[in-house]
Amino acid sequence: MTTLVEVKHSPLHGKGVFALRNIKKGELIVESHMALIHVNENLPEVLATLQFPWTDDYDAICLSDAGSFFNHASQPNAEISGRDFINLVQTFHAKIDIIKGDEITIYYNNAFDTFIHD
């Protein structure tokens, strides 16, 4: 669990991730442990909206308190900075300096894989 962020109601959509203190550009925000789900699995919508592309055969859902609650922004202040396929961990880092209280967002769409910076 991280002391950098909290999950709470977001004006953007549902729940979001918010900075509890100033976060510097490049700083690790959260490491999320992942659970794999076969891409053909029919998940309830509440879970399906939390999926990240992982491999050709599997998507993943973050098991951390924050990893699945980053909202989308076309100009995000954070990014997925790595995926550890062996230990099933995904990391998120700050793209810019983030001010205490700001919502932390990432960029995602149907071609999400192209925006991951391994």
C-alpha atoms as a PDB file:
ATOM      1  CA  MET A   1       0.000   0.000   0.000  1.00  0.00           C
ATOM      2  CA  THR A   2       1.237   3.471  -0.857  1.00  0.00           C
ATOM      3  CA  THR A   3       1.042   6.647   1.184  1.00  0.00           C
ATOM      4  CA  LEU A   4       1.318   8.773  -1.975  1.00  0.00           C
ATOM      5  CA  VAL A   5      -2.258   8.413  -3.171  1.00  0.00           C
ATOM      6  CA  GLU A   6      -5.825   7.744  -2.144  1.00  0.00           C
ATOM      7  CA  VAL A   7      -8.829   6.481  -4.092  1.00  0.00           C
ATOM      8  CA  LYS A   8     -11.948   8.601  -3.752  1.00  0.00           C
ATOM      9  CA  HIS A   9     -14.870  10.027  -5.748  1.00  0.00           C
ATOM     10  CA  SER A  10     -13.720  11.699  -8.960  1.00  0.00           C
ATOM     11  CA  PRO A  11     -15.361  14.562 -10.851  1.00  0.00           C
ATOM     12  CA  LEU A  12     -14.074  12.874 -14.041  1.00  0.00           C
ATOM     13  CA  HIS A  13     -15.702   9.459 -13.588  1.00  0.00           C
ATOM     14  CA  GLY A  14     -16.660   7.291 -10.620  1.00  0.00           C
ATOM     15  CA  LYS A  15     -13.599   6.808  -8.452  1.00  0.00           C
ATOM     16  CA  GLY A  16     -10.152   8.233  -9.129  1.00  0.00           C
ATOM     17  CA  VAL A  17      -6.631   8.345  -7.727  1.00  0.00           C
ATOM     18  CA  PHE A  18      -5.525  11.536  -5.945  1.00  0.00           C
ATOM     19  CA  ALA A  19      -2.130  12.721  -4.717  1.00  0.00           C
ATOM     20  CA  LEU A  20      -1.737  12.923  -0.916  1.00  0.00           C
ATOM     21  CA  ARG A  21       1.459  14.953  -1.314  1.00  0.00           C
ATOM     22  CA  ASN A  22       3.435  16.579  -4.113  1.00  0.00           C
ATOM     23  CA  ILE A  23       4.858  13.957  -6.478  1.00  0.00           C
ATOM     24  CA  LYS A  24       7.918  14.714  -8.620  1.00  0.00           C
ATOM     25  CA  LYS A  25       8.191  13.910 -12.331  1.00  0.00           C
ATOM     26  CA  GLY A  26       9.544  10.363 -12.710  1.00  0.00           C
ATOM     27  CA  GLU A  27       8.599   9.317  -9.183  1.00  0.00           C
ATOM     28  CA  LEU A  28       7.022   5.888  -8.663  1.00  0.00           C
ATOM     29  CA  ILE A  29       3.371   6.338  -7.762  1.00  0.00           C
ATOM     30  CA  VAL A  30       2.246   2.743  -7.286  1.00  0.00           C
ATOM     31  CA  GLU A  31       3.250  -0.842  -8.035  1.00  0.00           C
ATOM     32  CA  SER A  32       0.195  -2.944  -8.731  1.00  0.00           C
ATOM     33  CA  HIS A  33       0.155  -6.700  -8.464  1.00  0.00           C
ATOM     34  CA  MET A  34      -1.916  -8.164 -11.268  1.00  0.00           C
ATOM     35  CA  ALA A  35      -4.336 -11.064 -11.666  1.00  0.00           C
ATOM     36  CA  LEU A  36      -4.571 -12.594 -15.130  1.00  0.00           C
ATOM     37  CA  ILE A  37      -7.901 -13.186 -16.839  1.00  0.00           C
ATOM     38  CA  HIS A  38      -8.248 -14.964 -20.167  1.00  0.00           C
ATOM     39  CA  VAL A  39      -9.308 -12.552 -22.914  1.00  0.00           C
ATOM     40  CA  ASN A  40     -12.357 -14.727 -23.687  1.00  0.00           C
ATOM     41  CA  GLU A  41     -13.605 -14.534 -20.089  1.00  0.00           C
ATOM     42  CA  ASN A  42     -16.952 -12.773 -19.808  1.00  0.00           C
ATOM     43  CA  LEU A  43     -16.542 -10.596 -16.744  1.00  0.00           C
ATOM     44  CA  PRO A  44     -19.254  -8.515 -15.108  1.00  0.00           C
ATOM     45  CA  GLU A  45     -19.049  -4.912 -16.325  1.00  0.00           C
ATOM     46  CA  VAL A  46     -17.792  -3.688 -12.937  1.00  0.00           C
ATOM     47  CA  LEU A  47     -14.665  -5.864 -13.409  1.00  0.00           C
ATOM     48  CA  ALA A  48     -14.352  -5.583 -17.196  1.00  0.00           C
ATOM     49  CA  THR A  49     -13.840  -1.822 -16.930  1.00  0.00           C
ATOM     50  CA  LEU A  50     -10.794  -2.435 -14.706  1.00  0.00           C
ATOM     51  CA  GLN A  51      -8.912  -4.624 -17.207  1.00  0.00           C
ATOM     52  CA  PHE A  52      -5.516  -3.804 -18.694  1.00  0.00           C
ATOM     53  CA  PRO A  53      -4.155  -5.524 -21.817  1.00  0.00           C
ATOM     54  CA  TRP A  54      -1.375  -7.909 -20.777  1.00  0.00           C
ATOM     55  CA  THR A  55      -0.586 -10.508 -23.464  1.00  0.00           C
ATOM     56  CA  ASP A  56      -2.319 -11.831 -26.566  1.00  0.00           C
ATOM     57  CA  ASP A  57      -4.153 -14.398 -24.443  1.00  0.00           C
ATOM     58  CA  TYR A  58      -4.596 -12.563 -21.147  1.00  0.00           C
ATOM     59  CA  ASP A  59      -5.774  -9.273 -19.737  1.00  0.00           C
ATOM     60  CA  ALA A  60      -4.987  -8.293 -16.165  1.00  0.00           C
ATOM     61  CA  ILE A  61      -6.723  -6.604 -13.258  1.00  0.00           C
ATOM     62  CA  CYS A  62      -4.754  -4.659 -10.654  1.00  0.00           C
ATOM     63  CA  LEU A  63      -4.989  -6.098  -7.164  1.00  0.00           C
ATOM     64  CA  SER A  64      -3.641  -2.972  -5.467  1.00  0.00           C
ATOM     65  CA  ASP A  65      -5.764  -0.314  -3.858  1.00  0.00           C
ATOM     66  CA  ALA A  66      -5.113   2.229  -6.635  1.00  0.00           C
ATOM     67  CA  GLY A  67      -3.965   0.567  -9.860  1.00  0.00           C
ATOM     68  CA  SER A  68      -7.387   0.040 -11.403  1.00  0.00           C
ATOM     69  CA  PHE A  69      -8.758   3.461 -10.497  1.00  0.00           C
ATOM     70  CA  PHE A  70      -6.648   5.797 -12.635  1.00  0.00           C
ATOM     71  CA  ASN A  71      -8.998   7.735 -14.897  1.00  0.00           C
ATOM     72  CA  HIS A  72      -8.255   8.600 -18.515  1.00  0.00           C
ATOM     73  CA  ALA A  73      -7.037  11.988 -19.718  1.00  0.00           C
ATOM     74  CA  SER A  74      -5.803  13.046 -23.140  1.00  0.00           C
ATOM     75  CA  GLN A  75      -3.064  14.998 -21.326  1.00  0.00           C
ATOM     76  CA  PRO A  76      -2.261  12.599 -18.446  1.00  0.00           C
ATOM     77  CA  ASN A  77       0.063  13.407 -15.567  1.00  0.00           C
ATOM     78  CA  ALA A  78       1.102   9.742 -15.059  1.00  0.00           C
ATOM     79  CA  GLU A  79       1.824   6.682 -17.160  1.00  0.00           C
ATOM     80  CA  ILE A  80       2.295   2.949 -16.991  1.00  0.00           C
ATOM     81  CA  SER A  81       6.055   2.745 -16.893  1.00  0.00           C
ATOM     82  CA  GLY A  82       6.568  -0.994 -16.810  1.00  0.00           C
ATOM     83  CA  ARG A  83       5.085  -4.451 -16.698  1.00  0.00           C
ATOM     84  CA  ASP A  84       6.843  -7.384 -15.061  1.00  0.00           C
ATOM     85  CA  PHE A  85       5.422 -10.447 -16.815  1.00  0.00           C
ATOM     86  CA  ILE A  86       7.121 -12.911 -14.456  1.00  0.00           C
ATOM     87  CA  ASN A  87       6.081 -11.377 -11.121  1.00  0.00           C
ATOM     88  CA  LEU A  88       2.818  -9.926 -12.518  1.00  0.00           C
ATOM     89  CA  VAL A  89       3.484  -6.346 -11.457  1.00  0.00           C
ATOM     90  CA  GLN A  90       2.596  -3.134 -13.289  1.00  0.00           C
ATOM     91  CA  THR A  91       4.161   0.192 -12.294  1.00  0.00           C
ATOM     92  CA  PHE A  92       2.880   3.735 -12.645  1.00  0.00           C
ATOM     93  CA  HIS A  93       5.157   6.812 -12.607  1.00  0.00           C
ATOM     94  CA  ALA A  94       4.532  10.561 -12.740  1.00  0.00           C
ATOM     95  CA  LYS A  95       4.973  12.090 -16.228  1.00  0.00           C
ATOM     96  CA  ILE A  96       5.088  15.593 -14.754  1.00  0.00           C
ATOM     97  CA  ASP A  97       5.188  17.135 -11.295  1.00  0.00           C
ATOM     98  CA  ILE A  98       1.852  16.447  -9.573  1.00  0.00           C
ATOM     99  CA  ILE A  99       0.501  18.768  -6.885  1.00  0.00           C
ATOM    100  CA  LYS A 100      -1.010  17.469  -3.635  1.00  0.00           C
ATOM    101  CA  GLY A 101      -4.761  17.011  -4.145  1.00  0.00           C
ATOM    102  CA  ASP A 102      -4.582  16.646  -7.949  1.00  0.00           C
ATOM    103  CA  GLU A 103      -6.267  13.697  -9.599  1.00  0.00           C
ATOM    104  CA  ILE A 104      -3.703  11.396 -11.200  1.00  0.00           C
ATOM    105  CA  THR A 105      -4.645  10.281 -14.708  1.00  0.00           C
ATOM    106  CA  ILE A 106      -3.238   8.037 -17.419  1.00  0.00           C
ATOM    107  CA  TYR A 107      -3.941   7.776 -21.144  1.00  0.00           C
ATOM    108  CA  TYR A 108      -5.821   4.733 -22.370  1.00  0.00           C
ATOM    109  CA  ASN A 109      -7.954   3.560 -25.232  1.00  0.00           C
ATOM    110  CA  ASN A 110      -8.490   0.363 -27.249  1.00  0.00           C
ATOM    111  CA  ALA A 111      -4.838   0.413 -28.365  1.00  0.00           C
ATOM    112  CA  PHE A 112      -3.577   0.800 -24.788  1.00  0.00           C
ATOM    113  CA  ASP A 113      -0.481  -1.355 -25.365  1.00  0.00           C
ATOM    114  CA  THR A 114       1.078   1.289 -27.612  1.00  0.00           C
ATOM    115  CA  PHE A 115       1.074   3.786 -24.725  1.00  0.00           C
ATOM    116  CA  ILE A 116       2.965   1.608 -22.255  1.00  0.00           C
ATOM    117  CA  HIS A 117       6.584   2.661 -21.895  1.00  0.00           C
ATOM    118  CA  ASP A 118       8.521  -0.477 -20.931  1.00  0.00           C
END
